[in-house]
Amino acid sequence: MSGKIHIGIGGWTFEPWRGVFYPEKLPQKRELEYASRKLTSIEINGTYYTTFKPASWAKWREETPDGFVFAVKASRYCTNRRELAGAGEAVERFIGQGMNELKDRLGPINWQFMGTKKFQPEDFEAFLKLLPRELAGAPLRHALEVRNATFRSEKFYDLARKYNVAIIFADDDEFPAIEEPTADFTYARLMRTKEDVETGYTPKELDGWAKRALDWAKRGDAFVYFISGAKVRAPAAAEALISRVG
């Protein structure tokens, strides 16, 4: 295995987790501290909707242990637009808001596109050229979450390889499940947890995801997040997968 496997959930503030994942009397301000010691990664989702001050990013770093890694969901103002080539200013604003304060806790950035966004090779390559390769001297890793079947294209895969960006693998009924090794890391979002299963996915399904994660790690770091579905079960699913991959 050449890479590390990072497993977690989307965000850390969700009322139904209190008393299920979080202990009953745990203060809300300590939820990140608690979650980051049970899981190995969290995808920050709030950044899709708003920006945060550098002090917030620094606080998140300070509350988490060594070895813990955040993924960051990019601002919708960068991706939800007709012409991606014009996203330069929005990308600069998003990258420059203070996430460098995460330092060694900064993992990949998830650039999520709406299901209505179709693949247009020239415009998409123009967007990829806008993505900075480093921040404050540290390399940045980019991942693309595409949700339209037009992205099932060798031209898209070749573009992703050219710019060393990962295509996010989505376990979902609605979105295309693209599993192409286009970067030196893998990013997966598992979105079919079920509320009537205590661990979200059945033991057999989790065994399968563990095998897959171990295979992904043979070619670099792997980031696996339990998102959506029966969200209340996401932490239990993540903990169960962590126990399987060691």
C-alpha atoms as a PDB file:
ATOM      1  CA  MET A   1       0.000   0.000   0.000  1.00  0.00           C
ATOM      2  CA  SER A   2       1.587   3.273  -1.115  1.00  0.00           C
ATOM      3  CA  GLY A   3      -1.023   5.706   0.219  1.00  0.00           C
ATOM      4  CA  LYS A   4      -3.028   6.416   3.359  1.00  0.00           C
ATOM      5  CA  ILE A   5      -6.774   5.831   3.634  1.00  0.00           C
ATOM      6  CA  HIS A   6      -8.763   8.726   5.091  1.00  0.00           C
ATOM      7  CA  ILE A   7     -12.380   7.975   6.028  1.00  0.00           C
ATOM      8  CA  GLY A   8     -15.069  10.281   7.328  1.00  0.00           C
ATOM      9  CA  ILE A   9     -18.295  12.206   6.903  1.00  0.00           C
ATOM     10  CA  GLY A  10     -19.577  15.493   5.525  1.00  0.00           C
ATOM     11  CA  GLY A  11     -19.457  18.244   8.139  1.00  0.00           C
ATOM     12  CA  TRP A  12     -19.638  17.718  11.884  1.00  0.00           C
ATOM     13  CA  THR A  13     -22.700  19.715  12.959  1.00  0.00           C
ATOM     14  CA  PHE A  14     -25.917  17.714  12.582  1.00  0.00           C
ATOM     15  CA  GLU A  15     -28.513  17.641  15.360  1.00  0.00           C
ATOM     16  CA  PRO A  16     -29.604  13.976  14.869  1.00  0.00           C
ATOM     17  CA  TRP A  17     -26.014  12.852  15.587  1.00  0.00           C
ATOM     18  CA  ARG A  18     -26.356  14.150  19.164  1.00  0.00           C
ATOM     19  CA  GLY A  19     -27.010  11.202  21.419  1.00  0.00           C
ATOM     20  CA  VAL A  20     -26.339   8.788  18.535  1.00  0.00           C
ATOM     21  CA  PHE A  21     -22.761   9.572  17.490  1.00  0.00           C
ATOM     22  CA  TYR A  22     -22.003  12.344  19.958  1.00  0.00           C
ATOM     23  CA  PRO A  23     -22.433  11.633  23.699  1.00  0.00           C
ATOM     24  CA  GLU A  24     -25.613  13.110  25.188  1.00  0.00           C
ATOM     25  CA  LYS A  25     -23.976  15.870  27.225  1.00  0.00           C
ATOM     26  CA  LEU A  26     -21.109  16.746  24.898  1.00  0.00           C
ATOM     27  CA  PRO A  27     -20.998  20.552  24.398  1.00  0.00           C
ATOM     28  CA  GLN A  28     -21.657  21.495  20.772  1.00  0.00           C
ATOM     29  CA  LYS A  29     -18.401  23.468  20.630  1.00  0.00           C
ATOM     30  CA  ARG A  30     -16.491  20.211  21.220  1.00  0.00           C
ATOM     31  CA  GLU A  31     -18.122  18.210  18.431  1.00  0.00           C
ATOM     32  CA  LEU A  32     -15.269  18.668  15.947  1.00  0.00           C
ATOM     33  CA  GLU A  33     -12.749  17.711  18.615  1.00  0.00           C
ATOM     34  CA  TYR A  34     -14.737  14.523  19.311  1.00  0.00           C
ATOM     35  CA  ALA A  35     -15.450  13.599  15.680  1.00  0.00           C
ATOM     36  CA  SER A  36     -11.837  14.089  14.605  1.00  0.00           C
ATOM     37  CA  ARG A  37     -10.733  11.502  17.149  1.00  0.00           C
ATOM     38  CA  LYS A  38     -13.252   8.908  15.993  1.00  0.00           C
ATOM     39  CA  LEU A  39     -12.759   9.467  12.256  1.00  0.00           C
ATOM     40  CA  THR A  40      -9.704  10.187  10.132  1.00  0.00           C
ATOM     41  CA  SER A  41     -11.159  12.885   7.861  1.00  0.00           C
ATOM     42  CA  ILE A  42     -14.108  15.242   7.402  1.00  0.00           C
ATOM     43  CA  GLU A  43     -15.303  16.986   4.255  1.00  0.00           C
ATOM     44  CA  ILE A  44     -16.071  20.618   5.098  1.00  0.00           C
ATOM     45  CA  ASN A  45     -19.383  21.366   3.361  1.00  0.00           C
ATOM     46  CA  GLY A  46     -20.157  24.875   4.633  1.00  0.00           C
ATOM     47  CA  THR A  47     -17.548  26.312   2.276  1.00  0.00           C
ATOM     48  CA  TYR A  48     -19.872  25.499  -0.631  1.00  0.00           C
ATOM     49  CA  TYR A  49     -22.252  28.212   0.578  1.00  0.00           C
ATOM     50  CA  THR A  50     -20.103  30.833   2.302  1.00  0.00           C
ATOM     51  CA  THR A  51     -16.557  31.926   3.129  1.00  0.00           C
ATOM     52  CA  PHE A  52     -14.825  31.752   6.496  1.00  0.00           C
ATOM     53  CA  LYS A  53     -12.245  33.961   8.164  1.00  0.00           C
ATOM     54  CA  PRO A  54      -8.659  32.727   8.615  1.00  0.00           C
ATOM     55  CA  ALA A  55      -9.288  32.446  12.371  1.00  0.00           C
ATOM     56  CA  SER A  56     -11.972  29.818  11.747  1.00  0.00           C
ATOM     57  CA  TRP A  57      -9.632  27.681   9.655  1.00  0.00           C
ATOM     58  CA  ALA A  58      -6.919  27.976  12.295  1.00  0.00           C
ATOM     59  CA  LYS A  59      -9.395  26.983  15.019  1.00  0.00           C
ATOM     60  CA  TRP A  60     -10.396  23.856  13.069  1.00  0.00           C
ATOM     61  CA  ARG A  61      -6.745  22.871  12.751  1.00  0.00           C
ATOM     62  CA  GLU A  62      -6.132  23.383  16.466  1.00  0.00           C
ATOM     63  CA  GLU A  63      -9.123  21.240  17.443  1.00  0.00           C
ATOM     64  CA  THR A  64      -8.005  18.215  15.423  1.00  0.00           C
ATOM     65  CA  PRO A  65      -5.173  15.714  16.065  1.00  0.00           C
ATOM     66  CA  ASP A  66      -2.018  15.086  14.073  1.00  0.00           C
ATOM     67  CA  GLY A  67      -2.721  12.932  11.021  1.00  0.00           C
ATOM     68  CA  PHE A  68      -6.301  14.151  10.639  1.00  0.00           C
ATOM     69  CA  VAL A  69      -7.155  15.648   7.232  1.00  0.00           C
ATOM     70  CA  PHE A  70      -9.970  17.875   5.970  1.00  0.00           C
ATOM     71  CA  ALA A  71     -11.335  17.830   2.441  1.00  0.00           C
ATOM     72  CA  VAL A  72     -12.881  21.152   1.414  1.00  0.00           C
ATOM     73  CA  LYS A  73     -15.939  21.588  -0.779  1.00  0.00           C
ATOM     74  CA  ALA A  74     -15.374  24.451  -3.201  1.00  0.00           C
ATOM     75  CA  SER A  75     -17.682  27.447  -3.443  1.00  0.00           C
ATOM     76  CA  ARG A  76     -20.743  27.063  -5.663  1.00  0.00           C
ATOM     77  CA  TYR A  77     -19.858  30.452  -7.172  1.00  0.00           C
ATOM     78  CA  CYS A  78     -16.908  28.771  -8.863  1.00  0.00           C
ATOM     79  CA  THR A  79     -18.785  25.863 -10.433  1.00  0.00           C
ATOM     80  CA  ASN A  80     -22.440  26.846 -10.831  1.00  0.00           C
ATOM     81  CA  ARG A  81     -21.992  29.023 -13.905  1.00  0.00           C
ATOM     82  CA  ARG A  82     -22.652  28.812 -17.631  1.00  0.00           C
ATOM     83  CA  GLU A  83     -19.048  29.511 -18.657  1.00  0.00           C
ATOM     84  CA  LEU A  84     -16.459  27.971 -16.376  1.00  0.00           C
ATOM     85  CA  ALA A  85     -13.665  29.890 -18.086  1.00  0.00           C
ATOM     86  CA  GLY A  86     -14.893  33.036 -16.321  1.00  0.00           C
ATOM     87  CA  ALA A  87     -14.504  31.603 -12.820  1.00  0.00           C
ATOM     88  CA  GLY A  88     -11.015  32.999 -12.207  1.00  0.00           C
ATOM     89  CA  GLU A  89     -11.963  35.690  -9.696  1.00  0.00           C
ATOM     90  CA  ALA A  90     -14.275  33.346  -7.788  1.00  0.00           C
ATOM     91  CA  VAL A  91     -11.577  30.664  -7.613  1.00  0.00           C
ATOM     92  CA  GLU A  92      -9.038  33.178  -6.296  1.00  0.00           C
ATOM     93  CA  ARG A  93     -11.490  34.414  -3.660  1.00  0.00           C
ATOM     94  CA  PHE A  94     -12.295  30.866  -2.549  1.00  0.00           C
ATOM     95  CA  ILE A  95      -8.679  29.718  -2.358  1.00  0.00           C
ATOM     96  CA  GLY A  96      -7.541  32.912  -0.650  1.00  0.00           C
ATOM     97  CA  GLN A  97     -10.061  33.008   2.191  1.00  0.00           C
ATOM     98  CA  GLY A  98      -7.664  31.447   4.726  1.00  0.00           C
ATOM     99  CA  MET A  99      -7.663  27.687   4.183  1.00  0.00           C
ATOM    100  CA  ASN A 100      -3.857  27.772   4.243  1.00  0.00           C
ATOM    101  CA  GLU A 101      -4.337  28.018   8.028  1.00  0.00           C
ATOM    102  CA  LEU A 102      -5.200  24.307   7.976  1.00  0.00           C
ATOM    103  CA  LYS A 103      -1.542  23.639   7.077  1.00  0.00           C
ATOM    104  CA  ASP A 104      -0.928  19.862   7.188  1.00  0.00           C
ATOM    105  CA  ARG A 105      -4.639  19.231   7.814  1.00  0.00           C
ATOM    106  CA  LEU A 106      -5.552  20.404   4.291  1.00  0.00           C
ATOM    107  CA  GLY A 107      -6.552  17.558   1.993  1.00  0.00           C
ATOM    108  CA  PRO A 108      -8.198  17.663  -1.449  1.00  0.00           C
ATOM    109  CA  ILE A 109     -10.679  20.238  -2.720  1.00  0.00           C
ATOM    110  CA  ASN A 110     -13.980  18.961  -4.094  1.00  0.00           C
ATOM    111  CA  TRP A 111     -15.217  20.982  -7.084  1.00  0.00           C
ATOM    112  CA  GLN A 112     -18.848  19.877  -7.366  1.00  0.00           C
ATOM    113  CA  PHE A 113     -20.915  20.527 -10.506  1.00  0.00           C
ATOM    114  CA  MET A 114     -24.690  20.469 -10.843  1.00  0.00           C
ATOM    115  CA  GLY A 115     -26.388  17.586 -12.607  1.00  0.00           C
ATOM    116  CA  THR A 116     -27.395  19.923 -15.420  1.00  0.00           C
ATOM    117  CA  LYS A 117     -23.771  20.844 -16.180  1.00  0.00           C
ATOM    118  CA  LYS A 118     -22.667  19.054 -19.362  1.00  0.00           C
ATOM    119  CA  PHE A 119     -19.136  18.326 -20.496  1.00  0.00           C
ATOM    120  CA  GLN A 120     -17.776  20.939 -22.883  1.00  0.00           C
ATOM    121  CA  PRO A 121     -14.090  20.103 -23.442  1.00  0.00           C
ATOM    122  CA  GLU A 122     -12.699  23.571 -24.197  1.00  0.00           C
ATOM    123  CA  ASP A 123     -14.560  25.341 -21.397  1.00  0.00           C
ATOM    124  CA  PHE A 124     -13.745  22.612 -18.917  1.00  0.00           C
ATOM    125  CA  GLU A 125     -10.056  22.700 -19.738  1.00  0.00           C
ATOM    126  CA  ALA A 126     -10.119  26.475 -19.315  1.00  0.00           C
ATOM    127  CA  PHE A 127     -11.506  25.902 -15.821  1.00  0.00           C
ATOM    128  CA  LEU A 128      -8.834  23.331 -14.954  1.00  0.00           C
ATOM    129  CA  LYS A 129      -6.170  25.852 -15.947  1.00  0.00           C
ATOM    130  CA  LEU A 130      -7.558  28.223 -13.297  1.00  0.00           C
ATOM    131  CA  LEU A 131      -6.970  25.804 -10.423  1.00  0.00           C
ATOM    132  CA  PRO A 132      -3.799  26.696  -8.495  1.00  0.00           C
ATOM    133  CA  ARG A 133      -1.292  23.904  -7.987  1.00  0.00           C
ATOM    134  CA  GLU A 134      -0.092  25.114  -4.588  1.00  0.00           C
ATOM    135  CA  LEU A 135      -1.044  27.309  -1.650  1.00  0.00           C
ATOM    136  CA  ALA A 136       1.518  28.954   0.629  1.00  0.00           C
ATOM    137  CA  GLY A 137       4.173  26.658  -0.797  1.00  0.00           C
ATOM    138  CA  ALA A 138       2.194  23.446  -0.213  1.00  0.00           C
ATOM    139  CA  PRO A 139       0.765  21.392  -3.110  1.00  0.00           C
ATOM    140  CA  LEU A 140      -2.990  21.457  -3.686  1.00  0.00           C
ATOM    141  CA  ARG A 141      -5.014  18.426  -4.748  1.00  0.00           C
ATOM    142  CA  HIS A 142      -8.178  18.884  -6.785  1.00  0.00           C
ATOM    143  CA  ALA A 143     -11.106  16.514  -7.323  1.00  0.00           C
ATOM    144  CA  LEU A 144     -14.061  16.894  -9.691  1.00  0.00           C
ATOM    145  CA  GLU A 145     -17.559  15.789  -8.740  1.00  0.00           C
ATOM    146  CA  VAL A 146     -19.466  15.641 -12.020  1.00  0.00           C
ATOM    147  CA  ARG A 147     -23.119  14.622 -12.138  1.00  0.00           C
ATOM    148  CA  ASN A 148     -24.028  14.458 -15.819  1.00  0.00           C
ATOM    149  CA  ALA A 149     -23.688  11.411 -18.077  1.00  0.00           C
ATOM    150  CA  THR A 150     -21.893  13.492 -20.740  1.00  0.00           C
ATOM    151  CA  PHE A 151     -18.781  13.239 -18.551  1.00  0.00           C
ATOM    152  CA  ARG A 152     -18.532   9.547 -19.351  1.00  0.00           C
ATOM    153  CA  SER A 153     -16.022  10.472 -22.012  1.00  0.00           C
ATOM    154  CA  GLU A 154     -12.442   9.516 -22.781  1.00  0.00           C
ATOM    155  CA  LYS A 155     -11.813  13.204 -23.568  1.00  0.00           C
ATOM    156  CA  PHE A 156     -12.832  14.086 -20.010  1.00  0.00           C
ATOM    157  CA  TYR A 157     -10.683  11.329 -18.518  1.00  0.00           C
ATOM    158  CA  ASP A 158      -7.697  12.472 -20.586  1.00  0.00           C
ATOM    159  CA  LEU A 159      -8.171  16.078 -19.435  1.00  0.00           C
ATOM    160  CA  ALA A 160      -8.308  14.970 -15.804  1.00  0.00           C
ATOM    161  CA  ARG A 161      -5.083  12.998 -16.254  1.00  0.00           C
ATOM    162  CA  LYS A 162      -3.393  15.919 -18.000  1.00  0.00           C
ATOM    163  CA  TYR A 163      -4.012  18.174 -14.993  1.00  0.00           C
ATOM    164  CA  ASN A 164      -3.655  15.433 -12.341  1.00  0.00           C
ATOM    165  CA  VAL A 165      -7.150  15.939 -10.931  1.00  0.00           C
ATOM    166  CA  ALA A 166      -9.220  13.100  -9.500  1.00  0.00           C
ATOM    167  CA  ILE A 167     -12.697  12.264 -10.723  1.00  0.00           C
ATOM    168  CA  ILE A 168     -14.829  11.649  -7.659  1.00  0.00           C
ATOM    169  CA  PHE A 169     -16.375   8.209  -7.533  1.00  0.00           C
ATOM    170  CA  ALA A 170     -20.020   8.475  -6.438  1.00  0.00           C
ATOM    171  CA  ASP A 171     -22.007   5.557  -5.053  1.00  0.00           C
ATOM    172  CA  ASP A 172     -25.431   6.944  -5.875  1.00  0.00           C
ATOM    173  CA  ASP A 173     -28.460   5.940  -7.920  1.00  0.00           C
ATOM    174  CA  GLU A 174     -28.694   9.253  -9.795  1.00  0.00           C
ATOM    175  CA  PHE A 175     -25.119  10.236 -10.634  1.00  0.00           C
ATOM    176  CA  PRO A 176     -22.674   8.480 -12.960  1.00  0.00           C
ATOM    177  CA  ALA A 177     -20.258   6.224 -11.089  1.00  0.00           C
ATOM    178  CA  ILE A 178     -16.949   6.974 -12.798  1.00  0.00           C
ATOM    179  CA  GLU A 179     -13.968   5.007 -11.552  1.00  0.00           C
ATOM    180  CA  GLU A 180     -10.975   6.203 -13.555  1.00  0.00           C
ATOM    181  CA  PRO A 181      -7.442   6.553 -12.099  1.00  0.00           C
ATOM    182  CA  THR A 182      -6.706  10.097 -13.321  1.00  0.00           C
ATOM    183  CA  ALA A 183      -4.649  11.455 -10.385  1.00  0.00           C
ATOM    184  CA  ASP A 184      -2.209  10.325  -7.721  1.00  0.00           C
ATOM    185  CA  PHE A 185      -5.054  10.024  -5.191  1.00  0.00           C
ATOM    186  CA  THR A 186      -8.646   8.743  -5.082  1.00  0.00           C
ATOM    187  CA  TYR A 187     -11.770  10.486  -3.774  1.00  0.00           C
ATOM    188  CA  ALA A 188     -15.048   8.652  -3.160  1.00  0.00           C
ATOM    189  CA  ARG A 189     -18.430   9.773  -1.813  1.00  0.00           C
ATOM    190  CA  LEU A 190     -20.724   6.969  -0.660  1.00  0.00           C
ATOM    191  CA  MET A 191     -24.319   8.177  -0.625  1.00  0.00           C
ATOM    192  CA  ARG A 192     -26.552   5.152  -0.077  1.00  0.00           C
ATOM    193  CA  THR A 193     -26.565   4.651   3.679  1.00  0.00           C
ATOM    194  CA  LYS A 194     -29.841   3.167   4.957  1.00  0.00           C
ATOM    195  CA  GLU A 195     -31.496   4.163   8.231  1.00  0.00           C
ATOM    196  CA  ASP A 196     -32.666   0.633   9.043  1.00  0.00           C
ATOM    197  CA  VAL A 197     -29.051  -0.619   8.962  1.00  0.00           C
ATOM    198  CA  GLU A 198     -27.134   0.390  12.100  1.00  0.00           C
ATOM    199  CA  THR A 199     -23.896   0.881  10.166  1.00  0.00           C
ATOM    200  CA  GLY A 200     -25.574   2.481   7.139  1.00  0.00           C
ATOM    201  CA  TYR A 201     -24.251  -0.165   4.766  1.00  0.00           C
ATOM    202  CA  THR A 202     -24.494  -3.892   5.529  1.00  0.00           C
ATOM    203  CA  PRO A 203     -21.397  -5.734   6.803  1.00  0.00           C
ATOM    204  CA  LYS A 204     -21.019  -7.413   3.407  1.00  0.00           C
ATOM    205  CA  GLU A 205     -21.202  -4.051   1.621  1.00  0.00           C
ATOM    206  CA  LEU A 206     -18.672  -2.544   4.017  1.00  0.00           C
ATOM    207  CA  ASP A 207     -16.338  -5.475   3.403  1.00  0.00           C
ATOM    208  CA  GLY A 208     -16.568  -4.663  -0.293  1.00  0.00           C
ATOM    209  CA  TRP A 209     -15.809  -0.973   0.267  1.00  0.00           C
ATOM    210  CA  ALA A 210     -12.865  -1.892   2.488  1.00  0.00           C
ATOM    211  CA  LYS A 211     -11.389  -4.036  -0.274  1.00  0.00           C
ATOM    212  CA  ARG A 212     -11.941  -1.243  -2.759  1.00  0.00           C
ATOM    213  CA  ALA A 213     -10.324   1.358  -0.486  1.00  0.00           C
ATOM    214  CA  LEU A 214      -7.289  -0.860   0.008  1.00  0.00           C
ATOM    215  CA  ASP A 215      -7.005  -1.245  -3.764  1.00  0.00           C
ATOM    216  CA  TRP A 216      -7.270   2.540  -4.236  1.00  0.00           C
ATOM    217  CA  ALA A 217      -4.517   3.068  -1.673  1.00  0.00           C
ATOM    218  CA  LYS A 218      -2.122   1.003  -3.783  1.00  0.00           C
ATOM    219  CA  ARG A 219      -1.849   3.968  -6.146  1.00  0.00           C
ATOM    220  CA  GLY A 220      -1.883   6.809  -3.595  1.00  0.00           C
ATOM    221  CA  ASP A 221      -3.939   8.357  -0.807  1.00  0.00           C
ATOM    222  CA  ALA A 222      -7.640   7.473  -0.715  1.00  0.00           C
ATOM    223  CA  PHE A 223     -10.358   9.734   0.703  1.00  0.00           C
ATOM    224  CA  VAL A 224     -13.718   8.086   1.412  1.00  0.00           C
ATOM    225  CA  TYR A 225     -16.728   9.985   2.754  1.00  0.00           C
ATOM    226  CA  PHE A 226     -20.212   8.848   3.753  1.00  0.00           C
ATOM    227  CA  ILE A 227     -22.477  11.625   2.493  1.00  0.00           C
ATOM    228  CA  SER A 228     -26.263  12.021   2.184  1.00  0.00           C
ATOM    229  CA  GLY A 229     -28.425   8.891   2.185  1.00  0.00           C
ATOM    230  CA  ALA A 230     -29.498   8.245   5.774  1.00  0.00           C
ATOM    231  CA  LYS A 231     -27.156  10.897   7.168  1.00  0.00           C
ATOM    232  CA  VAL A 232     -27.760   9.850  10.765  1.00  0.00           C
ATOM    233  CA  ARG A 233     -25.923   6.592   9.979  1.00  0.00           C
ATOM    234  CA  ALA A 234     -22.898   8.203   8.296  1.00  0.00           C
ATOM    235  CA  PRO A 235     -20.607   8.297  11.369  1.00  0.00           C
ATOM    236  CA  ALA A 236     -21.318   4.641  12.199  1.00  0.00           C
ATOM    237  CA  ALA A 237     -20.606   3.671   8.576  1.00  0.00           C
ATOM    238  CA  ALA A 238     -17.319   5.578   8.659  1.00  0.00           C
ATOM    239  CA  GLU A 239     -16.254   4.004  11.947  1.00  0.00           C
ATOM    240  CA  ALA A 240     -17.131   0.538  10.641  1.00  0.00           C
ATOM    241  CA  LEU A 241     -15.062   1.079   7.495  1.00  0.00           C
ATOM    242  CA  ILE A 242     -12.130   2.443   9.502  1.00  0.00           C
ATOM    243  CA  SER A 243     -12.119  -0.714  11.609  1.00  0.00           C
ATOM    244  CA  ARG A 244     -11.982  -2.836   8.446  1.00  0.00           C
ATOM    245  CA  VAL A 245      -9.030  -1.091   6.802  1.00  0.00           C
ATOM    246  CA  GLY A 246      -6.999  -0.859   9.984  1.00  0.00           C
END
